Amino acid sequence: MMADMEAKLFRGLYRTVSWGYVTNGTMSFRVPEAEYRQFGYEPDYGKLPWKEDYDTAIATSLRHGD
């Protein structure tokens, strides 16, 4: 039950081959893929963008002033 509450506080940003990166807006950390799935973080691990795609989107957004 507590794991479900904690998972709802954090949201996945991107993934690499073996871990996902999650944040609650204040703090961020890496989570192994199996733990990410176990805790039920949103969005589903398979829907997270790859880190390279995430970095590209952030850089593009900053260039356009978003």
Protein backbone atom coordinates (compact mmCIF):
# COMPACT_ATOMS: atom_id res chain seq x y z
CA MET A 1 0.00 0.00 0.00
CA MET A 2 2.75 2.46 0.94
CA ALA A 3 4.66 1.58 -2.25
CA ASP A 4 1.56 2.51 -4.28
CA MET A 5 1.32 5.88 -2.51
CA GLU A 6 5.01 6.59 -3.08
CA ALA A 7 4.78 5.59 -6.74
CA LYS A 8 1.99 8.10 -7.30
CA LEU A 9 4.21 10.88 -5.97
CA PHE A 10 6.93 10.14 -8.51
CA ARG A 11 6.67 10.16 -12.29
CA GLY A 12 9.01 8.64 -14.84
CA LEU A 13 10.87 11.01 -17.16
CA TYR A 14 12.98 8.72 -19.35
CA ARG A 15 14.65 5.32 -19.52
CA THR A 16 17.92 3.69 -20.45
CA VAL A 17 18.64 0.02 -21.10
CA SER A 18 18.42 -0.96 -17.43
CA TRP A 19 16.84 1.84 -15.42
CA GLY A 20 14.23 4.60 -15.40
CA TYR A 21 14.65 8.14 -14.09
CA VAL A 22 11.84 9.37 -11.85
CA THR A 23 11.03 12.69 -10.19
CA ASN A 24 8.45 14.26 -7.94
CA GLY A 25 9.40 17.78 -9.01
CA THR A 26 11.72 18.27 -6.06
CA MET A 27 14.02 15.27 -6.13
CA SER A 28 14.95 12.80 -8.85
CA PHE A 29 16.68 9.44 -8.93
CA ARG A 30 17.37 6.34 -10.99
CA VAL A 31 15.28 3.22 -10.48
CA PRO A 32 16.13 -0.24 -11.87
CA GLU A 33 13.62 -1.32 -14.52
CA ALA A 34 12.23 -4.18 -12.41
CA GLU A 35 11.66 -1.85 -9.44
CA TYR A 36 10.07 0.79 -11.69
CA ARG A 37 7.58 -1.81 -12.89
CA GLN A 38 7.05 -3.23 -9.38
CA PHE A 39 6.26 0.18 -7.88
CA GLY A 40 3.88 0.99 -10.73
CA TYR A 41 5.36 4.35 -11.65
CA GLU A 42 3.58 6.20 -14.45
CA PRO A 43 3.85 6.18 -17.38
CA ASP A 44 4.45 2.50 -18.05
CA TYR A 45 8.17 1.78 -18.43
CA GLY A 46 7.71 0.80 -22.08
CA LYS A 47 6.17 4.20 -22.83
CA LEU A 48 9.03 6.24 -21.36
CA PRO A 49 11.18 8.01 -23.94
CA TRP A 50 14.78 6.91 -24.26
CA LYS A 51 17.23 9.27 -22.53
CA GLU A 52 18.64 10.49 -25.85
CA ASP A 53 15.15 11.38 -27.12
CA TYR A 54 14.31 13.09 -23.82
CA ASP A 55 17.54 15.14 -23.94
CA THR A 56 16.82 16.16 -27.55
CA ALA A 57 13.27 17.25 -26.67
CA ILE A 58 14.52 19.31 -23.69
CA ALA A 59 17.24 20.99 -25.80
CA THR A 60 14.73 21.78 -28.55
CA SER A 61 12.30 23.18 -26.01
CA LEU A 62 14.98 25.42 -24.48
CA ARG A 63 16.02 26.71 -27.91
CA HIS A 64 12.41 27.67 -28.64
CA GLY A 65 11.90 29.26 -25.25
CA ASP A 66 9.21 26.79 -24.11
